[in-house]
PDB file of N, CA and C in Angstrom:
ATOM      1  N   MET A   1      20.705  16.455 -28.594  1.00  0.00           N
ATOM      2  CA  MET A   1      19.442  17.085 -28.870  1.00  0.00           C
ATOM      3  C   MET A   1      19.286  18.254 -27.889  1.00  0.00           C
ATOM      4  N   ASN A   2      18.939  19.412 -28.423  1.00  0.00           N
ATOM      5  CA  ASN A   2      18.762  20.562 -27.548  1.00  0.00           C
ATOM      6  C   ASN A   2      17.334  20.605 -26.982  1.00  0.00           C
ATOM      7  N   ASP A   3      17.092  21.539 -26.101  1.00  0.00           N
ATOM      8  CA  ASP A   3      15.785  21.626 -25.438  1.00  0.00           C
ATOM      9  C   ASP A   3      14.647  21.866 -26.420  1.00  0.00           C
ATOM     10  N   ARG A   4      14.900  22.677 -27.437  1.00  0.00           N
ATOM     11  CA  ARG A   4      13.856  22.978 -28.426  1.00  0.00           C
ATOM     12  C   ARG A   4      13.470  21.717 -29.218  1.00  0.00           C
ATOM     13  N   GLU A   5      14.472  20.946 -29.635  1.00  0.00           N
ATOM     14  CA  GLU A   5      14.207  19.705 -30.370  1.00  0.00           C
ATOM     15  C   GLU A   5      13.483  18.692 -29.480  1.00  0.00           C
ATOM     16  N   PHE A   6      13.919  18.613 -28.222  1.00  0.00           N
ATOM     17  CA  PHE A   6      13.296  17.698 -27.270  1.00  0.00           C
ATOM     18  C   PHE A   6      11.821  18.055 -27.083  1.00  0.00           C
ATOM     19  N   GLN A   7      11.535  19.339 -26.897  1.00  0.00           N
ATOM     20  CA  GLN A   7      10.153  19.777 -26.707  1.00  0.00           C
ATOM     21  C   GLN A   7       9.323  19.534 -27.963  1.00  0.00           C
ATOM     22  N   ALA A   8       9.907  19.722 -29.135  1.00  0.00           N
ATOM     23  CA  ALA A   8       9.196  19.475 -30.388  1.00  0.00           C
ATOM     24  C   ALA A   8       8.804  18.003 -30.506  1.00  0.00           C
ATOM     25  N   LYS A   9       9.695  17.111 -30.101  1.00  0.00           N
ATOM     26  CA  LYS A   9       9.386  15.678 -30.142  1.00  0.00           C
ATOM     27  C   LYS A   9       8.276  15.331 -29.149  1.00  0.00           C
ATOM     28  N   LEU A  10       8.335  15.924 -27.952  1.00  0.00           N
ATOM     29  CA  LEU A  10       7.268  15.698 -26.975  1.00  0.00           C
ATOM     30  C   LEU A  10       5.931  16.209 -27.495  1.00  0.00           C
ATOM     31  N   ASP A  11       5.944  17.373 -28.126  1.00  0.00           N
ATOM     32  CA  ASP A  11       4.712  17.941 -28.674  1.00  0.00           C
ATOM     33  C   ASP A  11       4.143  17.064 -29.786  1.00  0.00           C
ATOM     34  N   GLU A  12       5.016  16.570 -30.660  1.00  0.00           N
ATOM     35  CA  GLU A  12       4.558  15.692 -31.736  1.00  0.00           C
ATOM     36  C   GLU A  12       3.974  14.403 -31.167  1.00  0.00           C
ATOM     37  N   LEU A  13       4.636  13.843 -30.173  1.00  0.00           N
ATOM     38  CA  LEU A  13       4.139  12.624 -29.535  1.00  0.00           C
ATOM     39  C   LEU A  13       2.774  12.870 -28.901  1.00  0.00           C
ATOM     40  N   ASP A  14       2.642  13.984 -28.199  1.00  0.00           N
ATOM     41  CA  ASP A  14       1.370  14.335 -27.574  1.00  0.00           C
ATOM     42  C   ASP A  14       0.268  14.445 -28.624  1.00  0.00           C
ATOM     43  N   GLN A  15       0.576  15.074 -29.743  1.00  0.00           N
ATOM     44  CA  GLN A  15      -0.415  15.227 -30.799  1.00  0.00           C
ATOM     45  C   GLN A  15      -0.807  13.869 -31.386  1.00  0.00           C
ATOM     46  N   LEU A  16       0.164  13.013 -31.631  1.00  0.00           N
ATOM     47  CA  LEU A  16      -0.136  11.686 -32.178  1.00  0.00           C
ATOM     48  C   LEU A  16      -1.025  10.869 -31.244  1.00  0.00           C
ATOM     49  N   LEU A  17      -0.793  11.008 -29.946  1.00  0.00           N
ATOM     50  CA  LEU A  17      -1.529  10.200 -28.977  1.00  0.00           C
ATOM     51  C   LEU A  17      -2.884  10.791 -28.593  1.00  0.00           C
ATOM     52  N   ASN A  18      -3.023  12.113 -28.660  1.00  0.00           N
ATOM     53  CA  ASN A  18      -4.204  12.747 -28.080  1.00  0.00           C
ATOM     54  C   ASN A  18      -5.097  13.525 -29.032  1.00  0.00           C
ATOM     55  N   ASP A  19      -4.630  13.811 -30.230  1.00  0.00           N
ATOM     56  CA  ASP A  19      -5.437  14.595 -31.162  1.00  0.00           C
ATOM     57  C   ASP A  19      -6.258  13.652 -32.039  1.00  0.00           C
ATOM     58  N   PRO A  20      -7.592  13.684 -31.908  1.00  0.00           N
ATOM     59  CA  PRO A  20      -8.422  12.758 -32.689  1.00  0.00           C
ATOM     60  C   PRO A  20      -8.379  13.031 -34.192  1.00  0.00           C
ATOM     61  N   ASP A  21      -7.913  14.210 -34.597  1.00  0.00           N
ATOM     62  CA  ASP A  21      -7.841  14.541 -36.019  1.00  0.00           C
ATOM     63  C   ASP A  21      -6.542  14.069 -36.670  1.00  0.00           C
ATOM     64  N   VAL A  22      -5.615  13.563 -35.856  1.00  0.00           N
ATOM     65  CA  VAL A  22      -4.329  13.091 -36.379  1.00  0.00           C
ATOM     66  C   VAL A  22      -4.347  11.569 -36.419  1.00  0.00           C
ATOM     67  N   ARG A  23      -4.012  11.032 -37.584  1.00  0.00           N
ATOM     68  CA  ARG A  23      -3.997   9.581 -37.747  1.00  0.00           C
ATOM     69  C   ARG A  23      -2.875   8.964 -36.911  1.00  0.00           C
ATOM     70  N   MET A  24      -3.201   7.910 -36.197  1.00  0.00           N
ATOM     71  CA  MET A  24      -2.221   7.204 -35.364  1.00  0.00           C
ATOM     72  C   MET A  24      -1.182   6.540 -36.267  1.00  0.00           C
ATOM     73  N   ASP A  25       0.073   6.750 -35.939  1.00  0.00           N
ATOM     74  CA  ASP A  25       1.185   6.141 -36.662  1.00  0.00           C
ATOM     75  C   ASP A  25       2.071   5.447 -35.631  1.00  0.00           C
ATOM     76  N   PRO A  26       1.794   4.152 -35.352  1.00  0.00           N
ATOM     77  CA  PRO A  26       2.536   3.447 -34.302  1.00  0.00           C
ATOM     78  C   PRO A  26       4.050   3.487 -34.496  1.00  0.00           C
ATOM     79  N   HIS A  27       4.517   3.367 -35.724  1.00  0.00           N
ATOM     80  CA  HIS A  27       5.958   3.390 -35.967  1.00  0.00           C
ATOM     81  C   HIS A  27       6.548   4.728 -35.545  1.00  0.00           C
ATOM     82  N   ARG A  28       5.866   5.817 -35.860  1.00  0.00           N
ATOM     83  CA  ARG A  28       6.361   7.146 -35.480  1.00  0.00           C
ATOM     84  C   ARG A  28       6.333   7.322 -33.963  1.00  0.00           C
ATOM     85  N   VAL A  29       5.278   6.812 -33.311  1.00  0.00           N
ATOM     86  CA  VAL A  29       5.191   6.902 -31.847  1.00  0.00           C
ATOM     87  C   VAL A  29       6.392   6.208 -31.214  1.00  0.00           C
ATOM     88  N   TRP A  30       6.685   4.983 -31.650  1.00  0.00           N
ATOM     89  CA  TRP A  30       7.806   4.241 -31.069  1.00  0.00           C
ATOM     90  C   TRP A  30       9.144   4.900 -31.388  1.00  0.00           C
ATOM     91  N   THR A  31       9.269   5.471 -32.575  1.00  0.00           N
ATOM     92  CA  THR A  31      10.494   6.178 -32.941  1.00  0.00           C
ATOM     93  C   THR A  31      10.703   7.389 -32.043  1.00  0.00           C
ATOM     94  N   LEU A  32       9.645   8.164 -31.833  1.00  0.00           N
ATOM     95  CA  LEU A  32       9.744   9.327 -30.950  1.00  0.00           C
ATOM     96  C   LEU A  32      10.091   8.908 -29.526  1.00  0.00           C
ATOM     97  N   LEU A  33       9.451   7.853 -29.042  1.00  0.00           N
ATOM     98  CA  LEU A  33       9.748   7.380 -27.690  1.00  0.00           C
ATOM     99  C   LEU A  33      11.208   6.953 -27.557  1.00  0.00           C
ATOM    100  N   ALA A  34      11.734   6.288 -28.565  1.00  0.00           N
ATOM    101  CA  ALA A  34      13.138   5.862 -28.530  1.00  0.00           C
ATOM    102  C   ALA A  34      14.073   7.069 -28.525  1.00  0.00           C
ATOM    103  N   GLU A  35      13.765   8.075 -29.340  1.00  0.00           N
ATOM    104  CA  GLU A  35      14.603   9.274 -29.396  1.00  0.00           C
ATOM    105  C   GLU A  35      14.551  10.042 -28.081  1.00  0.00           C
ATOM    106  N   ILE A  36      13.369  10.162 -27.505  1.00  0.00           N
ATOM    107  CA  ILE A  36      13.209  10.859 -26.223  1.00  0.00           C
ATOM    108  C   ILE A  36      13.944  10.104 -25.121  1.00  0.00           C
ATOM    109  N   SER A  37      13.799   8.795 -25.112  1.00  0.00           N
ATOM    110  CA  SER A  37      14.465   7.975 -24.102  1.00  0.00           C
ATOM    111  C   SER A  37      15.985   8.089 -24.215  1.00  0.00           C
ATOM    112  N   ALA A  38      16.496   8.067 -25.427  1.00  0.00           N
ATOM    113  CA  ALA A  38      17.942   8.186 -25.634  1.00  0.00           C
ATOM    114  C   ALA A  38      18.443   9.548 -25.162  1.00  0.00           C
ATOM    115  N   ALA A  39      17.679  10.586 -25.425  1.00  0.00           N
ATOM    116  CA  ALA A  39      18.080  11.931 -24.994  1.00  0.00           C
ATOM    117  C   ALA A  39      18.084  12.027 -23.469  1.00  0.00           C
ATOM    118  N   GLU A  40      17.083  11.449 -22.829  1.00  0.00           N
ATOM    119  CA  GLU A  40      17.029  11.478 -21.365  1.00  0.00           C
ATOM    120  C   GLU A  40      18.172  10.667 -20.759  1.00  0.00           C
ATOM    121  N   ALA A  41      18.509   9.545 -21.369  1.00  0.00           N
ATOM    122  CA  ALA A  41      19.620   8.725 -20.875  1.00  0.00           C
ATOM    123  C   ALA A  41      20.939   9.481 -21.007  1.00  0.00           C
ATOM    124  N   GLN A  42      21.088  10.216 -22.091  1.00  0.00           N
ATOM    125  CA  GLN A  42      22.306  11.002 -22.295  1.00  0.00           C
ATOM    126  C   GLN A  42      22.410  12.105 -21.243  1.00  0.00           C
ATOM    127  N   ILE A  43      21.302  12.752 -20.935  1.00  0.00           N
ATOM    128  CA  ILE A  43      21.291  13.806 -19.915  1.00  0.00           C
ATOM    129  C   ILE A  43      21.637  13.216 -18.552  1.00  0.00           C
ATOM    130  N   ALA A  44      21.083  12.055 -18.245  1.00  0.00           N
ATOM    131  CA  ALA A  44      21.329  11.410 -16.951  1.00  0.00           C
ATOM    132  C   ALA A  44      22.793  10.985 -16.806  1.00  0.00           C
ATOM    133  N   ALA A  45      23.425  10.649 -17.920  1.00  0.00           N
ATOM    134  CA  ALA A  45      24.812  10.190 -17.882  1.00  0.00           C
ATOM    135  C   ALA A  45      25.805  11.341 -17.694  1.00  0.00           C
ATOM    136  N   GLU A  46      25.359  12.550 -17.934  1.00  0.00           N
ATOM    137  CA  GLU A  46      26.271  13.706 -17.825  1.00  0.00           C
ATOM    138  C   GLU A  46      26.553  14.079 -16.420  1.00  0.00           C
TER     139      GLU A  46
END
């Protein structure tokens, strides 16, 4: 995952968690967290 994709996922997560006009989707939140965590683990392993 490149920096742009990583930032897009963080932005989407932020919107899901903090924007009152966006419906909460727990499955999407957990999916984004898993993808972000996997990307960070890959960076740490390099």
